[in-house]
Amino acid sequence: MAYLRSLAHTLNPVVRIGNKGLTASVMKEVDLNLKAHELIKIKIQNDDKSVRESMLNEICEALQATAVHHIGLQIIVYRAAPEPKIVLPK
């Protein structure tokens, strides 16, 4: 996970989750970005940490992704593509 966190350090959030939370369109956008990039940063506009953690878990379960990191209002999610662009160290 440290390797993925280091790669994500320079990323800008590609999805922003607002007051409406995890809508179908937000989930679709997250899925499309995971297909395109494998590793993405998401910004959640909610001050409640437990709500953000719940959203992170819901995203990972629904999209078969892995939670990489959660800090402040940002979460980092990874899902390997069928032909991975990111080569993980062993």
N, C-alpha and C. Protein backbone atom coordinates (compact mmCIF):
# COMPACT_ATOMS: atom_id res chain seq x y z
N MET A 1 0.81 -1.20 0.00
CA MET A 1 0.00 0.00 0.00
C MET A 1 0.85 1.27 0.00
N ALA A 2 2.01 1.19 0.60
CA ALA A 2 2.88 2.38 0.65
C ALA A 2 3.27 2.81 -0.76
N TYR A 3 3.50 1.83 -1.63
CA TYR A 3 3.87 2.15 -3.01
C TYR A 3 2.73 2.90 -3.71
N LEU A 4 1.51 2.40 -3.54
CA LEU A 4 0.35 3.06 -4.16
C LEU A 4 0.12 4.45 -3.56
N ARG A 5 0.31 4.58 -2.24
CA ARG A 5 0.18 5.91 -1.62
C ARG A 5 1.19 6.88 -2.20
N SER A 6 2.41 6.39 -2.45
CA SER A 6 3.43 7.28 -3.01
C SER A 6 3.07 7.71 -4.43
N LEU A 7 2.49 6.80 -5.21
CA LEU A 7 2.05 7.15 -6.57
C LEU A 7 0.89 8.15 -6.53
N ALA A 8 0.03 8.01 -5.55
CA ALA A 8 -1.16 8.86 -5.47
C ALA A 8 -0.85 10.25 -4.93
N HIS A 9 0.31 10.42 -4.36
CA HIS A 9 0.66 11.70 -3.73
C HIS A 9 0.48 12.88 -4.68
N THR A 10 0.85 12.72 -5.92
CA THR A 10 0.79 13.83 -6.88
C THR A 10 -0.54 13.91 -7.63
N LEU A 11 -1.43 12.96 -7.40
CA LEU A 11 -2.72 12.96 -8.10
C LEU A 11 -3.64 14.05 -7.59
N ASN A 12 -4.45 14.58 -8.47
CA ASN A 12 -5.53 15.48 -8.09
C ASN A 12 -6.81 14.66 -8.03
N PRO A 13 -7.77 15.05 -7.19
CA PRO A 13 -9.04 14.32 -7.14
C PRO A 13 -9.74 14.34 -8.50
N VAL A 14 -10.17 13.18 -8.97
CA VAL A 14 -10.86 13.09 -10.25
C VAL A 14 -12.37 12.99 -10.07
N VAL A 15 -12.79 12.68 -8.85
CA VAL A 15 -14.22 12.62 -8.53
C VAL A 15 -14.42 13.39 -7.23
N ARG A 16 -15.49 14.16 -7.19
CA ARG A 16 -15.85 14.89 -5.98
C ARG A 16 -17.26 14.44 -5.57
N ILE A 17 -17.38 14.05 -4.32
CA ILE A 17 -18.67 13.60 -3.80
C ILE A 17 -19.24 14.73 -2.94
N GLY A 18 -20.40 15.23 -3.33
CA GLY A 18 -21.01 16.37 -2.65
C GLY A 18 -22.01 15.96 -1.60
N ASN A 19 -22.93 16.86 -1.32
CA ASN A 19 -23.92 16.68 -0.26
C ASN A 19 -24.88 15.53 -0.51
N LYS A 20 -25.08 15.16 -1.77
CA LYS A 20 -26.02 14.07 -2.08
C LYS A 20 -25.41 12.70 -1.83
N GLY A 21 -24.12 12.64 -1.58
CA GLY A 21 -23.47 11.37 -1.26
C GLY A 21 -23.22 10.50 -2.48
N LEU A 22 -23.25 9.19 -2.26
CA LEU A 22 -22.95 8.23 -3.32
C LEU A 22 -24.19 7.95 -4.17
N THR A 23 -24.39 8.75 -5.17
CA THR A 23 -25.49 8.53 -6.10
C THR A 23 -25.03 7.55 -7.19
N ALA A 24 -25.97 7.11 -7.99
CA ALA A 24 -25.63 6.19 -9.08
C ALA A 24 -24.66 6.84 -10.06
N SER A 25 -24.84 8.12 -10.31
CA SER A 25 -23.95 8.80 -11.25
C SER A 25 -22.54 8.95 -10.68
N VAL A 26 -22.43 9.14 -9.38
CA VAL A 26 -21.10 9.22 -8.74
C VAL A 26 -20.41 7.86 -8.83
N MET A 27 -21.14 6.80 -8.55
CA MET A 27 -20.55 5.45 -8.62
C MET A 27 -20.11 5.14 -10.05
N LYS A 28 -20.91 5.55 -11.03
CA LYS A 28 -20.54 5.33 -12.43
C LYS A 28 -19.26 6.09 -12.77
N GLU A 29 -19.15 7.32 -12.29
CA GLU A 29 -17.97 8.14 -12.54
C GLU A 29 -16.72 7.53 -11.89
N VAL A 30 -16.87 7.02 -10.67
CA VAL A 30 -15.75 6.35 -9.99
C VAL A 30 -15.33 5.12 -10.79
N ASP A 31 -16.30 4.33 -11.23
CA ASP A 31 -16.01 3.13 -12.01
C ASP A 31 -15.27 3.48 -13.31
N LEU A 32 -15.75 4.48 -14.02
CA LEU A 32 -15.10 4.89 -15.27
C LEU A 32 -13.66 5.35 -15.03
N ASN A 33 -13.44 6.10 -13.96
CA ASN A 33 -12.09 6.58 -13.67
C ASN A 33 -11.18 5.46 -13.22
N LEU A 34 -11.71 4.47 -12.50
CA LEU A 34 -10.89 3.31 -12.13
C LEU A 34 -10.49 2.52 -13.37
N LYS A 35 -11.41 2.38 -14.32
CA LYS A 35 -11.08 1.69 -15.57
C LYS A 35 -9.99 2.42 -16.33
N ALA A 36 -10.04 3.74 -16.31
CA ALA A 36 -9.09 4.54 -17.08
C ALA A 36 -7.74 4.68 -16.39
N HIS A 37 -7.73 4.77 -15.06
CA HIS A 37 -6.50 5.13 -14.35
C HIS A 37 -5.99 4.10 -13.34
N GLU A 38 -6.82 3.18 -12.90
CA GLU A 38 -6.51 2.18 -11.87
C GLU A 38 -6.41 2.79 -10.47
N LEU A 39 -5.69 3.88 -10.33
CA LEU A 39 -5.46 4.52 -9.02
C LEU A 39 -6.05 5.92 -9.08
N ILE A 40 -7.01 6.20 -8.20
CA ILE A 40 -7.65 7.52 -8.24
C ILE A 40 -7.78 8.11 -6.84
N LYS A 41 -7.88 9.42 -6.83
CA LYS A 41 -8.11 10.16 -5.60
C LYS A 41 -9.51 10.77 -5.69
N ILE A 42 -10.26 10.64 -4.59
CA ILE A 42 -11.63 11.13 -4.53
C ILE A 42 -11.75 12.10 -3.36
N LYS A 43 -12.41 13.22 -3.58
CA LYS A 43 -12.63 14.18 -2.51
C LYS A 43 -14.09 14.09 -2.06
N ILE A 44 -14.29 13.94 -0.76
CA ILE A 44 -15.63 13.82 -0.20
C ILE A 44 -15.93 15.06 0.63
N GLN A 45 -16.97 15.78 0.27
CA GLN A 45 -17.36 17.00 0.98
C GLN A 45 -18.27 16.65 2.15
N ASN A 46 -17.70 16.04 3.18
CA ASN A 46 -18.45 15.70 4.39
C ASN A 46 -17.47 15.74 5.55
N ASP A 47 -17.83 16.45 6.61
CA ASP A 47 -16.93 16.60 7.75
C ASP A 47 -16.92 15.40 8.69
N ASP A 48 -17.86 14.49 8.55
CA ASP A 48 -17.97 13.34 9.45
C ASP A 48 -17.09 12.19 8.94
N LYS A 49 -16.07 11.87 9.72
CA LYS A 49 -15.11 10.83 9.32
C LYS A 49 -15.79 9.48 9.13
N SER A 50 -16.74 9.14 9.99
CA SER A 50 -17.40 7.84 9.88
C SER A 50 -18.21 7.75 8.58
N VAL A 51 -18.78 8.86 8.13
CA VAL A 51 -19.52 8.88 6.86
C VAL A 51 -18.55 8.66 5.71
N ARG A 52 -17.40 9.33 5.76
CA ARG A 52 -16.40 9.16 4.70
C ARG A 52 -15.89 7.72 4.66
N GLU A 53 -15.64 7.13 5.82
CA GLU A 53 -15.19 5.73 5.86
C GLU A 53 -16.26 4.80 5.31
N SER A 54 -17.51 5.09 5.62
CA SER A 54 -18.61 4.28 5.11
C SER A 54 -18.69 4.37 3.58
N MET A 55 -18.51 5.58 3.04
CA MET A 55 -18.51 5.75 1.59
C MET A 55 -17.35 5.00 0.95
N LEU A 56 -16.18 5.08 1.56
CA LEU A 56 -15.01 4.37 1.05
C LEU A 56 -15.29 2.87 0.99
N ASN A 57 -15.83 2.32 2.07
CA ASN A 57 -16.15 0.89 2.10
C ASN A 57 -17.20 0.52 1.06
N GLU A 58 -18.20 1.37 0.90
CA GLU A 58 -19.25 1.10 -0.08
C GLU A 58 -18.70 1.11 -1.51
N ILE A 59 -17.83 2.07 -1.81
CA ILE A 59 -17.20 2.14 -3.13
C ILE A 59 -16.39 0.88 -3.39
N CYS A 60 -15.58 0.50 -2.42
CA CYS A 60 -14.70 -0.67 -2.60
C CYS A 60 -15.49 -1.96 -2.77
N GLU A 61 -16.55 -2.13 -1.99
CA GLU A 61 -17.37 -3.34 -2.10
C GLU A 61 -18.12 -3.39 -3.43
N ALA A 62 -18.72 -2.28 -3.81
CA ALA A 62 -19.54 -2.25 -5.03
C ALA A 62 -18.71 -2.39 -6.30
N LEU A 63 -17.47 -1.86 -6.28
CA LEU A 63 -16.66 -1.83 -7.49
C LEU A 63 -15.46 -2.77 -7.44
N GLN A 64 -15.42 -3.66 -6.47
CA GLN A 64 -14.31 -4.61 -6.30
C GLN A 64 -12.96 -3.89 -6.34
N ALA A 65 -12.87 -2.81 -5.58
CA ALA A 65 -11.65 -2.01 -5.51
C ALA A 65 -11.01 -2.17 -4.14
N THR A 66 -9.82 -1.62 -4.00
CA THR A 66 -9.08 -1.68 -2.74
C THR A 66 -8.90 -0.27 -2.19
N ALA A 67 -9.19 -0.12 -0.91
CA ALA A 67 -8.95 1.16 -0.25
C ALA A 67 -7.45 1.29 0.01
N VAL A 68 -6.85 2.34 -0.49
CA VAL A 68 -5.42 2.55 -0.32
C VAL A 68 -5.15 3.45 0.87
N HIS A 69 -5.91 4.55 0.97
CA HIS A 69 -5.65 5.52 2.04
C HIS A 69 -6.86 6.43 2.23
N HIS A 70 -7.01 6.91 3.44
CA HIS A 70 -8.07 7.88 3.77
C HIS A 70 -7.44 8.92 4.68
N ILE A 71 -7.31 10.12 4.16
CA ILE A 71 -6.76 11.20 4.98
C ILE A 71 -7.56 12.47 4.73
N GLY A 72 -8.03 13.06 5.78
CA GLY A 72 -8.84 14.26 5.66
C GLY A 72 -10.07 14.00 4.82
N LEU A 73 -10.32 14.86 3.86
CA LEU A 73 -11.50 14.72 3.01
C LEU A 73 -11.22 13.90 1.76
N GLN A 74 -10.02 13.33 1.66
CA GLN A 74 -9.65 12.60 0.44
C GLN A 74 -9.46 11.12 0.72
N ILE A 75 -9.89 10.33 -0.26
CA ILE A 75 -9.67 8.88 -0.21
C ILE A 75 -8.96 8.48 -1.50
N ILE A 76 -8.19 7.41 -1.40
CA ILE A 76 -7.47 6.89 -2.56
C ILE A 76 -7.92 5.45 -2.76
N VAL A 77 -8.29 5.13 -3.99
CA VAL A 77 -8.84 3.82 -4.32
C VAL A 77 -8.07 3.24 -5.50
N TYR A 78 -7.83 1.92 -5.44
CA TYR A 78 -7.10 1.23 -6.51
C TYR A 78 -7.89 0.01 -6.97
N ARG A 79 -7.90 -0.20 -8.27
CA ARG A 79 -8.44 -1.43 -8.85
C ARG A 79 -7.61 -1.75 -10.08
N ALA A 80 -6.99 -2.91 -10.07
CA ALA A 80 -6.14 -3.32 -11.19
C ALA A 80 -6.99 -3.54 -12.43
N ALA A 81 -6.47 -3.10 -13.55
CA ALA A 81 -7.13 -3.32 -14.84
C ALA A 81 -6.81 -4.74 -15.32
N PRO A 82 -7.59 -5.26 -16.28
CA PRO A 82 -7.27 -6.59 -16.83
C PRO A 82 -5.83 -6.66 -17.34
N GLU A 83 -5.37 -5.56 -17.93
CA GLU A 83 -3.97 -5.44 -18.31
C GLU A 83 -3.40 -4.27 -17.51
N PRO A 84 -2.86 -4.56 -16.33
CA PRO A 84 -2.44 -3.49 -15.40
C PRO A 84 -1.43 -2.51 -15.99
N LYS A 85 -1.67 -1.23 -15.71
CA LYS A 85 -0.74 -0.17 -16.08
C LYS A 85 0.26 0.05 -14.95
N ILE A 86 -0.19 -0.19 -13.73
CA ILE A 86 0.66 -0.02 -12.55
C ILE A 86 1.20 -1.39 -12.16
N VAL A 87 2.51 -1.51 -12.13
CA VAL A 87 3.15 -2.76 -11.74
C VAL A 87 3.49 -2.66 -10.26
N LEU A 88 2.86 -3.51 -9.45
CA LEU A 88 3.09 -3.49 -8.01
C LEU A 88 4.37 -4.23 -7.67
N PRO A 89 5.17 -3.68 -6.75
CA PRO A 89 6.39 -4.39 -6.33
C PRO A 89 6.01 -5.63 -5.52
N LYS A 90 6.87 -6.62 -5.57
CA LYS A 90 6.58 -7.87 -4.85
C LYS A 90 7.21 -7.88 -3.50
